[in-house]
Protein backbone atom coordinates (compact mmCIF):
# COMPACT_ATOMS: atom_id res chain seq x y z
CA UNK A 1 0.00 0.00 0.00
CA UNK A 2 1.12 3.51 -0.71
CA UNK A 3 -0.17 6.80 0.64
CA UNK A 4 -2.21 8.91 -1.79
CA UNK A 5 -0.42 12.06 -2.94
CA UNK A 6 -3.22 14.27 -1.61
CA UNK A 7 -2.62 13.05 1.97
CA UNK A 8 -0.22 15.16 4.03
CA UNK A 9 1.43 13.80 7.19
CA UNK A 10 2.74 16.03 9.97
CA UNK A 11 4.56 14.53 12.92
CA UNK A 12 4.53 16.05 16.40
CA UNK A 13 7.05 15.73 19.19
CA UNK A 14 6.44 12.48 21.01
CA UNK A 15 5.82 10.46 17.85
CA UNK A 16 2.16 11.26 17.28
CA UNK A 17 0.94 12.94 14.13
CA UNK A 18 -1.90 14.04 11.93
CA UNK A 19 -2.96 13.22 8.39
CA UNK A 20 -4.81 15.78 6.28
CA UNK A 21 -6.73 14.78 3.18
CA UNK A 22 -6.37 17.83 0.95
CA UNK A 23 -9.30 16.71 -1.22
CA UNK A 24 -11.88 16.32 1.56
CA UNK A 25 -10.27 18.69 4.11
CA UNK A 26 -10.64 15.94 6.73
CA UNK A 27 -7.91 15.24 9.23
CA UNK A 28 -7.00 12.11 11.16
CA UNK A 29 -5.07 12.04 14.41
CA UNK A 30 -2.45 9.28 14.65
CA UNK A 31 -1.08 7.82 17.86
CA UNK A 32 2.57 6.71 18.00
CA UNK A 33 1.85 3.28 16.55
CA UNK A 34 -0.23 4.59 13.66
CA UNK A 35 2.42 7.24 12.92
CA UNK A 36 5.12 4.54 12.84
CA UNK A 37 3.06 2.55 10.32
CA UNK A 38 2.33 5.63 8.20
CA UNK A 39 6.03 6.62 8.07
CA UNK A 40 6.89 3.08 7.00
CA UNK A 41 4.29 3.24 4.20
CA UNK A 42 5.77 6.54 3.03
CA UNK A 43 9.17 4.82 2.89
CA UNK A 44 7.75 1.97 0.81
CA UNK A 45 8.36 -0.70 3.45
CA UNK A 46 6.66 -4.08 3.24
CA UNK A 47 4.25 -5.30 5.90
CA UNK A 48 6.90 -7.65 7.33
CA UNK A 49 9.35 -4.74 7.58
CA UNK A 50 6.71 -2.66 9.39
CA UNK A 51 6.07 -5.54 11.81
CA UNK A 52 9.82 -5.86 12.46
CA UNK A 53 10.07 -2.13 13.11
CA UNK A 54 7.14 -2.27 15.52
CA UNK A 55 8.55 -5.22 17.49
CA UNK A 56 11.89 -3.37 17.74
CA UNK A 57 10.24 -0.16 18.94
CA UNK A 58 7.72 -1.68 21.36
CA UNK A 59 7.68 -4.65 23.70
CA UNK A 60 5.14 -6.66 21.69
CA UNK A 61 5.12 -10.06 20.08
CA UNK A 62 5.40 -10.41 16.32
CA UNK A 63 1.81 -11.73 16.24
CA UNK A 64 0.45 -8.74 18.17
CA UNK A 65 2.40 -6.32 15.97
CA UNK A 66 1.10 -8.00 12.80
CA UNK A 67 -2.50 -7.73 14.03
CA UNK A 68 -2.01 -4.05 14.87
CA UNK A 69 -0.49 -3.31 11.48
CA UNK A 70 -3.29 -5.14 9.66
CA UNK A 71 -5.93 -3.25 11.65
CA UNK A 72 -4.28 0.10 10.87
CA UNK A 73 -3.94 -0.73 7.17
CA UNK A 74 -7.65 -1.61 7.00
CA UNK A 75 -8.46 1.70 8.69
CA UNK A 76 -6.26 3.62 6.23
CA UNK A 77 -7.97 1.81 3.35
CA UNK A 78 -11.51 2.40 4.63
CA UNK A 79 -10.75 6.10 4.95
CA UNK A 80 -9.28 6.13 1.42
CA UNK A 81 -5.88 7.34 2.62
CA UNK A 82 -3.85 4.68 0.77
CA UNK A 83 -3.85 2.92 -2.57
CA UNK A 84 -3.07 -0.73 -3.23
CA UNK A 85 0.40 -1.04 -4.69
PDB file of N, CA and C in Angstrom:
ATOM      1  N   UNK A   1       0.839  -1.182   0.000  1.00  0.00           N
ATOM      2  CA  UNK A   1       0.000   0.000   0.000  1.00  0.00           C
ATOM      3  C   UNK A   1       0.880   1.239   0.000  1.00  0.00           C
ATOM      4  N   UNK A   2       0.390   2.245  -0.669  1.00  0.00           N
ATOM      5  CA  UNK A   2       1.120   3.506  -0.709  1.00  0.00           C
ATOM      6  C   UNK A   2       0.162   4.654  -0.396  1.00  0.00           C
ATOM      7  N   UNK A   3       0.663   5.653   0.323  1.00  0.00           N
ATOM      8  CA  UNK A   3      -0.174   6.802   0.638  1.00  0.00           C
ATOM      9  C   UNK A   3      -0.567   7.565  -0.639  1.00  0.00           C
ATOM     10  N   UNK A   4      -1.795   8.058  -0.688  1.00  0.00           N
ATOM     11  CA  UNK A   4      -2.211   8.908  -1.795  1.00  0.00           C
ATOM     12  C   UNK A   4      -1.426  10.218  -1.725  1.00  0.00           C
ATOM     13  N   UNK A   5      -1.185  10.816  -2.891  1.00  0.00           N
ATOM     14  CA  UNK A   5      -0.424  12.061  -2.940  1.00  0.00           C
ATOM     15  C   UNK A   5      -1.146  13.228  -2.277  1.00  0.00           C
ATOM     16  N   UNK A   6      -2.469  13.158  -2.194  1.00  0.00           N
ATOM     17  CA  UNK A   6      -3.217  14.267  -1.606  1.00  0.00           C
ATOM     18  C   UNK A   6      -3.357  14.152  -0.083  1.00  0.00           C
ATOM     19  N   UNK A   7      -2.633  13.199   0.515  1.00  0.00           N
ATOM     20  CA  UNK A   7      -2.620  13.046   1.970  1.00  0.00           C
ATOM     21  C   UNK A   7      -1.305  13.603   2.507  1.00  0.00           C
ATOM     22  N   UNK A   8      -1.398  14.529   3.444  1.00  0.00           N
ATOM     23  CA  UNK A   8      -0.217  15.158   4.025  1.00  0.00           C
ATOM     24  C   UNK A   8      -0.076  14.690   5.467  1.00  0.00           C
ATOM     25  N   UNK A   9       1.139  14.275   5.835  1.00  0.00           N
ATOM     26  CA  UNK A   9       1.426  13.804   7.188  1.00  0.00           C
ATOM     27  C   UNK A   9       2.303  14.819   7.900  1.00  0.00           C
ATOM     28  N   UNK A  10       1.929  15.174   9.116  1.00  0.00           N
ATOM     29  CA  UNK A  10       2.742  16.032   9.967  1.00  0.00           C
ATOM     30  C   UNK A  10       2.958  15.309  11.280  1.00  0.00           C
ATOM     31  N   UNK A  11       4.224  15.220  11.677  1.00  0.00           N
ATOM     32  CA  UNK A  11       4.562  14.528  12.918  1.00  0.00           C
ATOM     33  C   UNK A  11       4.797  15.544  14.028  1.00  0.00           C
ATOM     34  N   UNK A  12       4.337  15.201  15.225  1.00  0.00           N
ATOM     35  CA  UNK A  12       4.529  16.050  16.396  1.00  0.00           C
ATOM     36  C   UNK A  12       5.609  15.442  17.287  1.00  0.00           C
ATOM     37  N   UNK A  13       6.129  16.253  18.188  1.00  0.00           N
ATOM     38  CA  UNK A  13       7.049  15.729  19.191  1.00  0.00           C
ATOM     39  C   UNK A  13       6.333  14.634  19.964  1.00  0.00           C
ATOM     40  N   UNK A  14       7.045  13.571  20.277  1.00  0.00           N
ATOM     41  CA  UNK A  14       6.437  12.475  21.007  1.00  0.00           C
ATOM     42  C   UNK A  14       5.970  11.359  20.095  1.00  0.00           C
ATOM     43  N   UNK A  15       6.121  11.539  18.782  1.00  0.00           N
ATOM     44  CA  UNK A  15       5.824  10.456  17.855  1.00  0.00           C
ATOM     45  C   UNK A  15       4.424  10.432  17.287  1.00  0.00           C
ATOM     46  N   UNK A  16       3.513  11.233  17.830  1.00  0.00           N
ATOM     47  CA  UNK A  16       2.158  11.259  17.285  1.00  0.00           C
ATOM     48  C   UNK A  16       2.137  12.146  16.048  1.00  0.00           C
ATOM     49  N   UNK A  17       1.012  12.128  15.323  1.00  0.00           N
ATOM     50  CA  UNK A  17       0.943  12.945  14.130  1.00  0.00           C
ATOM     51  C   UNK A  17      -0.477  13.135  13.657  1.00  0.00           C
ATOM     52  N   UNK A  18      -0.599  13.790  12.523  1.00  0.00           N
ATOM     53  CA  UNK A  18      -1.900  14.042  11.931  1.00  0.00           C
ATOM     54  C   UNK A  18      -1.785  13.886  10.417  1.00  0.00           C
ATOM     55  N   UNK A  19      -2.841  13.322   9.835  1.00  0.00           N
ATOM     56  CA  UNK A  19      -2.963  13.224   8.386  1.00  0.00           C
ATOM     57  C   UNK A  19      -4.035  14.204   7.954  1.00  0.00           C
ATOM     58  N   UNK A  20      -3.809  14.886   6.842  1.00  0.00           N
ATOM     59  CA  UNK A  20      -4.808  15.783   6.282  1.00  0.00           C
ATOM     60  C   UNK A  20      -5.063  15.344   4.843  1.00  0.00           C
ATOM     61  N   UNK A  21      -6.321  15.103   4.545  1.00  0.00           N
ATOM     62  CA  UNK A  21      -6.729  14.782   3.177  1.00  0.00           C
ATOM     63  C   UNK A  21      -7.049  16.116   2.508  1.00  0.00           C
ATOM     64  N   UNK A  22      -6.201  16.534   1.584  1.00  0.00           N
ATOM     65  CA  UNK A  22      -6.371  17.830   0.949  1.00  0.00           C
ATOM     66  C   UNK A  22      -7.608  17.891   0.054  1.00  0.00           C
ATOM     67  N   UNK A  23      -8.102  16.731  -0.384  1.00  0.00           N
ATOM     68  CA  UNK A  23      -9.301  16.711  -1.223  1.00  0.00           C
ATOM     69  C   UNK A  23     -10.575  16.907  -0.412  1.00  0.00           C
ATOM     70  N   UNK A  24     -10.653  16.253   0.747  1.00  0.00           N
ATOM     71  CA  UNK A  24     -11.879  16.321   1.556  1.00  0.00           C
ATOM     72  C   UNK A  24     -11.777  17.311   2.708  1.00  0.00           C
ATOM     73  N   UNK A  25     -10.553  17.784   2.980  1.00  0.00           N
ATOM     74  CA  UNK A  25     -10.273  18.692   4.114  1.00  0.00           C
ATOM     75  C   UNK A  25     -10.495  18.013   5.463  1.00  0.00           C
ATOM     76  N   UNK A  26     -10.507  16.683   5.473  1.00  0.00           N
ATOM     77  CA  UNK A  26     -10.642  15.939   6.734  1.00  0.00           C
ATOM     78  C   UNK A  26      -9.256  15.677   7.302  1.00  0.00           C
ATOM     79  N   UNK A  27      -9.191  15.581   8.613  1.00  0.00           N
ATOM     80  CA  UNK A  27      -7.915  15.236   9.235  1.00  0.00           C
ATOM     81  C   UNK A  27      -8.102  14.050  10.164  1.00  0.00           C
ATOM     82  N   UNK A  28      -6.995  13.333  10.357  1.00  0.00           N
ATOM     83  CA  UNK A  28      -7.000  12.109  11.162  1.00  0.00           C
ATOM     84  C   UNK A  28      -5.823  12.179  12.119  1.00  0.00           C
ATOM     85  N   UNK A  29      -6.127  12.055  13.402  1.00  0.00           N
ATOM     86  CA  UNK A  29      -5.067  12.040  14.406  1.00  0.00           C
ATOM     87  C   UNK A  29      -4.468  10.643  14.481  1.00  0.00           C
ATOM     88  N   UNK A  30      -3.138  10.570  14.557  1.00  0.00           N
ATOM     89  CA  UNK A  30      -2.446   9.285  14.655  1.00  0.00           C
ATOM     90  C   UNK A  30      -1.708   9.195  15.976  1.00  0.00           C
ATOM     91  N   UNK A  31      -1.883   8.063  16.654  1.00  0.00           N
ATOM     92  CA  UNK A  31      -1.083   7.824  17.855  1.00  0.00           C
ATOM     93  C   UNK A  31       0.313   7.381  17.402  1.00  0.00           C
ATOM     94  N   UNK A  32       1.196   7.081  18.346  1.00  0.00           N
ATOM     95  CA  UNK A  32       2.571   6.706  18.005  1.00  0.00           C
ATOM     96  C   UNK A  32       2.630   5.506  17.067  1.00  0.00           C
ATOM     97  N   UNK A  33       1.830   4.493  17.359  1.00  0.00           N
ATOM     98  CA  UNK A  33       1.848   3.277  16.553  1.00  0.00           C
ATOM     99  C   UNK A  33       1.382   3.553  15.133  1.00  0.00           C
ATOM    100  N   UNK A  34       0.291   4.273  14.985  1.00  0.00           N
ATOM    101  CA  UNK A  34      -0.228   4.590  13.657  1.00  0.00           C
ATOM    102  C   UNK A  34       0.762   5.465  12.885  1.00  0.00           C
ATOM    103  N   UNK A  35       1.419   6.384  13.571  1.00  0.00           N
ATOM    104  CA  UNK A  35       2.417   7.236  12.919  1.00  0.00           C
ATOM    105  C   UNK A  35       3.608   6.406  12.441  1.00  0.00           C
ATOM    106  N   UNK A  36       4.029   5.431  13.239  1.00  0.00           N
ATOM    107  CA  UNK A  36       5.115   4.536  12.838  1.00  0.00           C
ATOM    108  C   UNK A  36       4.735   3.793  11.554  1.00  0.00           C
ATOM    109  N   UNK A  37       3.518   3.278  11.502  1.00  0.00           N
ATOM    110  CA  UNK A  37       3.057   2.549  10.317  1.00  0.00           C
ATOM    111  C   UNK A  37       2.974   3.490   9.120  1.00  0.00           C
ATOM    112  N   UNK A  38       2.453   4.681   9.315  1.00  0.00           N
ATOM    113  CA  UNK A  38       2.327   5.628   8.201  1.00  0.00           C
ATOM    114  C   UNK A  38       3.709   5.992   7.642  1.00  0.00           C
ATOM    115  N   UNK A  39       4.660   6.291   8.529  1.00  0.00           N
ATOM    116  CA  UNK A  39       6.027   6.618   8.067  1.00  0.00           C
ATOM    117  C   UNK A  39       6.611   5.471   7.260  1.00  0.00           C
ATOM    118  N   UNK A  40       6.384   4.250   7.715  1.00  0.00           N
ATOM    119  CA  UNK A  40       6.891   3.075   7.004  1.00  0.00           C
ATOM    120  C   UNK A  40       6.256   2.964   5.618  1.00  0.00           C
ATOM    121  N   UNK A  41       4.961   3.255   5.504  1.00  0.00           N
ATOM    122  CA  UNK A  41       4.291   3.239   4.198  1.00  0.00           C
ATOM    123  C   UNK A  41       4.898   4.294   3.280  1.00  0.00           C
ATOM    124  N   UNK A  42       5.159   5.479   3.826  1.00  0.00           N
ATOM    125  CA  UNK A  42       5.771   6.537   3.026  1.00  0.00           C
ATOM    126  C   UNK A  42       7.144   6.128   2.509  1.00  0.00           C
ATOM    127  N   UNK A  43       7.830   5.283   3.273  1.00  0.00           N
ATOM    128  CA  UNK A  43       9.168   4.815   2.889  1.00  0.00           C
ATOM    129  C   UNK A  43       9.114   3.584   1.996  1.00  0.00           C
ATOM    130  N   UNK A  44       7.901   3.112   1.700  1.00  0.00           N
ATOM    131  CA  UNK A  44       7.750   1.969   0.809  1.00  0.00           C
ATOM    132  C   UNK A  44       8.086   0.627   1.439  1.00  0.00           C
ATOM    133  N   UNK A  45       8.028   0.552   2.763  1.00  0.00           N
ATOM    134  CA  UNK A  45       8.356  -0.702   3.446  1.00  0.00           C
ATOM    135  C   UNK A  45       7.232  -1.721   3.301  1.00  0.00           C
ATOM    136  N   UNK A  46       7.629  -2.990   3.310  1.00  0.00           N
ATOM    137  CA  UNK A  46       6.655  -4.076   3.245  1.00  0.00           C
ATOM    138  C   UNK A  46       6.014  -4.277   4.615  1.00  0.00           C
ATOM    139  N   UNK A  47       4.924  -5.039   4.633  1.00  0.00           N
ATOM    140  CA  UNK A  47       4.253  -5.296   5.901  1.00  0.00           C
ATOM    141  C   UNK A  47       5.193  -5.990   6.881  1.00  0.00           C
ATOM    142  N   UNK A  48       5.979  -6.947   6.409  1.00  0.00           N
ATOM    143  CA  UNK A  48       6.896  -7.649   7.326  1.00  0.00           C
ATOM    144  C   UNK A  48       7.952  -6.694   7.881  1.00  0.00           C
ATOM    145  N   UNK A  49       8.385  -5.725   7.077  1.00  0.00           N
ATOM    146  CA  UNK A  49       9.351  -4.741   7.575  1.00  0.00           C
ATOM    147  C   UNK A  49       8.701  -3.835   8.622  1.00  0.00           C
ATOM    148  N   UNK A  50       7.434  -3.491   8.412  1.00  0.00           N
ATOM    149  CA  UNK A  50       6.712  -2.664   9.385  1.00  0.00           C
ATOM    150  C   UNK A  50       6.556  -3.424  10.698  1.00  0.00           C
ATOM    151  N   UNK A  51       6.216  -4.701  10.609  1.00  0.00           N
ATOM    152  CA  UNK A  51       6.067  -5.539  11.812  1.00  0.00           C
ATOM    153  C   UNK A  51       7.398  -5.617  12.552  1.00  0.00           C
ATOM    154  N   UNK A  52       8.494  -5.806  11.829  1.00  0.00           N
ATOM    155  CA  UNK A  52       9.823  -5.858  12.462  1.00  0.00           C
ATOM    156  C   UNK A  52      10.134  -4.539  13.171  1.00  0.00           C
ATOM    157  N   UNK A  53       9.824  -3.442  12.518  1.00  0.00           N
ATOM    158  CA  UNK A  53      10.071  -2.134  13.114  1.00  0.00           C
ATOM    159  C   UNK A  53       9.251  -1.948  14.385  1.00  0.00           C
ATOM    160  N   UNK A  54       8.010  -2.413  14.353  1.00  0.00           N
ATOM    161  CA  UNK A  54       7.144  -2.272  15.522  1.00  0.00           C
ATOM    162  C   UNK A  54       7.640  -3.137  16.687  1.00  0.00           C
ATOM    163  N   UNK A  55       8.064  -4.367  16.400  1.00  0.00           N
ATOM    164  CA  UNK A  55       8.554  -5.224  17.492  1.00  0.00           C
ATOM    165  C   UNK A  55       9.864  -4.683  18.066  1.00  0.00           C
ATOM    166  N   UNK A  56      10.644  -3.974  17.235  1.00  0.00           N
ATOM    167  CA  UNK A  56      11.886  -3.373  17.735  1.00  0.00           C
ATOM    168  C   UNK A  56      11.589  -2.141  18.595  1.00  0.00           C
ATOM    169  N   UNK A  57      10.554  -1.399  18.236  1.00  0.00           N
ATOM    170  CA  UNK A  57      10.238  -0.159  18.943  1.00  0.00           C
ATOM    171  C   UNK A  57       9.434  -0.386  20.221  1.00  0.00           C
ATOM    172  N   UNK A  58       8.609  -1.429  20.229  1.00  0.00           N
ATOM    173  CA  UNK A  58       7.717  -1.679  21.362  1.00  0.00           C
ATOM    174  C   UNK A  58       7.893  -3.103  21.856  1.00  0.00           C
ATOM    175  N   UNK A  59       7.560  -3.317  23.105  1.00  0.00           N
ATOM    176  CA  UNK A  59       7.678  -4.646  23.705  1.00  0.00           C
ATOM    177  C   UNK A  59       6.409  -5.443  23.390  1.00  0.00           C
ATOM    178  N   UNK A  60       6.296  -5.882  22.131  1.00  0.00           N
ATOM    179  CA  UNK A  60       5.135  -6.657  21.689  1.00  0.00           C
ATOM    180  C   UNK A  60       5.621  -7.868  20.895  1.00  0.00           C
ATOM    181  N   UNK A  61       4.782  -8.881  20.862  1.00  0.00           N
ATOM    182  CA  UNK A  61       5.118 -10.063  20.076  1.00  0.00           C
ATOM    183  C   UNK A  61       4.925  -9.755  18.591  1.00  0.00           C
ATOM    184  N   UNK A  62       5.531 -10.564  17.763  1.00  0.00           N
ATOM    185  CA  UNK A  62       5.396 -10.412  16.316  1.00  0.00           C
ATOM    186  C   UNK A  62       3.914 -10.556  15.910  1.00  0.00           C
ATOM    187  N   UNK A  63       3.221 -11.496  16.542  1.00  0.00           N
ATOM    188  CA  UNK A  63       1.805 -11.727  16.238  1.00  0.00           C
ATOM    189  C   UNK A  63       0.958 -10.499  16.577  1.00  0.00           C
ATOM    190  N   UNK A  64       1.187  -9.929  17.754  1.00  0.00           N
ATOM    191  CA  UNK A  64       0.446  -8.740  18.168  1.00  0.00           C
ATOM    192  C   UNK A  64       0.746  -7.566  17.231  1.00  0.00           C
ATOM    193  N   UNK A  65       2.017  -7.398  16.874  1.00  0.00           N
ATOM    194  CA  UNK A  65       2.405  -6.319  15.965  1.00  0.00           C
ATOM    195  C   UNK A  65       1.737  -6.499  14.607  1.00  0.00           C
ATOM    196  N   UNK A  66       1.713  -7.731  14.108  1.00  0.00           N
ATOM    197  CA  UNK A  66       1.097  -8.002  12.797  1.00  0.00           C
ATOM    198  C   UNK A  66      -0.395  -7.671  12.826  1.00  0.00           C
ATOM    199  N   UNK A  67      -1.069  -8.033  13.911  1.00  0.00           N
ATOM    200  CA  UNK A  67      -2.500  -7.731  14.031  1.00  0.00           C
ATOM    201  C   UNK A  67      -2.730  -6.225  14.068  1.00  0.00           C
ATOM    202  N   UNK A  68      -1.883  -5.506  14.790  1.00  0.00           N
ATOM    203  CA  UNK A  68      -2.015  -4.052  14.872  1.00  0.00           C
ATOM    204  C   UNK A  68      -1.791  -3.400  13.515  1.00  0.00           C
ATOM    205  N   UNK A  69      -0.782  -3.865  12.800  1.00  0.00           N
ATOM    206  CA  UNK A  69      -0.489  -3.308  11.481  1.00  0.00           C
ATOM    207  C   UNK A  69      -1.648  -3.581  10.526  1.00  0.00           C
ATOM    208  N   UNK A  70      -2.160  -4.803  10.527  1.00  0.00           N
ATOM    209  CA  UNK A  70      -3.294  -5.142   9.658  1.00  0.00           C
ATOM    210  C   UNK A  70      -4.515  -4.273   9.966  1.00  0.00           C
ATOM    211  N   UNK A  71      -4.794  -4.069  11.240  1.00  0.00           N
ATOM    212  CA  UNK A  71      -5.934  -3.251  11.649  1.00  0.00           C
ATOM    213  C   UNK A  71      -5.748  -1.803  11.164  1.00  0.00           C
ATOM    214  N   UNK A  72      -4.547  -1.271  11.315  1.00  0.00           N
ATOM    215  CA  UNK A  72      -4.281   0.099  10.871  1.00  0.00           C
ATOM    216  C   UNK A  72      -4.386   0.221   9.356  1.00  0.00           C
ATOM    217  N   UNK A  73      -3.865  -0.763   8.629  1.00  0.00           N
ATOM    218  CA  UNK A  73      -3.941  -0.727   7.172  1.00  0.00           C
ATOM    219  C   UNK A  73      -5.392  -0.758   6.693  1.00  0.00           C
ATOM    220  N   UNK A  74      -6.219  -1.583   7.352  1.00  0.00           N
ATOM    221  CA  UNK A  74      -7.648  -1.612   7.001  1.00  0.00           C
ATOM    222  C   UNK A  74      -8.296  -0.253   7.261  1.00  0.00           C
ATOM    223  N   UNK A  75      -7.926   0.379   8.358  1.00  0.00           N
ATOM    224  CA  UNK A  75      -8.464   1.698   8.685  1.00  0.00           C
ATOM    225  C   UNK A  75      -8.027   2.732   7.648  1.00  0.00           C
ATOM    226  N   UNK A  76      -6.753   2.708   7.262  1.00  0.00           N
ATOM    227  CA  UNK A  76      -6.257   3.625   6.233  1.00  0.00           C
ATOM    228  C   UNK A  76      -7.009   3.402   4.916  1.00  0.00           C
ATOM    229  N   UNK A  77      -7.239   2.138   4.581  1.00  0.00           N
ATOM    230  CA  UNK A  77      -7.974   1.815   3.350  1.00  0.00           C
ATOM    231  C   UNK A  77      -9.412   2.302   3.421  1.00  0.00           C
ATOM    232  N   UNK A  78     -10.093   2.026   4.516  1.00  0.00           N
ATOM    233  CA  UNK A  78     -11.506   2.396   4.631  1.00  0.00           C
ATOM    234  C   UNK A  78     -11.699   3.912   4.594  1.00  0.00           C
ATOM    235  N   UNK A  79     -10.677   4.647   5.001  1.00  0.00           N
ATOM    236  CA  UNK A  79     -10.747   6.104   4.952  1.00  0.00           C
ATOM    237  C   UNK A  79     -10.150   6.669   3.663  1.00  0.00           C
ATOM    238  N   UNK A  80      -9.809   5.758   2.735  1.00  0.00           N
ATOM    239  CA  UNK A  80      -9.283   6.135   1.415  1.00  0.00           C
ATOM    240  C   UNK A  80      -8.023   6.984   1.505  1.00  0.00           C
ATOM    241  N   UNK A  81      -7.135   6.610   2.433  1.00  0.00           N
ATOM    242  CA  UNK A  81      -5.878   7.339   2.624  1.00  0.00           C
ATOM    243  C   UNK A  81      -4.729   6.699   1.858  1.00  0.00           C
ATOM    244  N   UNK A  82      -4.905   5.423   1.472  1.00  0.00           N
ATOM    245  CA  UNK A  82      -3.849   4.684   0.772  1.00  0.00           C
ATOM    246  C   UNK A  82      -4.412   4.004  -0.472  1.00  0.00           C
ATOM    247  N   UNK A  83      -3.493   3.668  -1.359  1.00  0.00           N
ATOM    248  CA  UNK A  83      -3.848   2.919  -2.569  1.00  0.00           C
ATOM    249  C   UNK A  83      -3.132   1.579  -2.534  1.00  0.00           C
ATOM    250  N   UNK A  84      -3.745   0.566  -3.113  1.00  0.00           N
ATOM    251  CA  UNK A  84      -3.075  -0.727  -3.234  1.00  0.00           C
ATOM    252  C   UNK A  84      -1.902  -0.565  -4.169  1.00  0.00           C
ATOM    253  N   UNK A  85      -0.765  -1.155  -3.801  1.00  0.00           N
ATOM    254  CA  UNK A  85       0.396  -1.039  -4.691  1.00  0.00           C
ATOM    255  C   UNK A  85       0.678  -2.321  -5.396  1.00  0.00           C
TER     256      UNK A  85
END
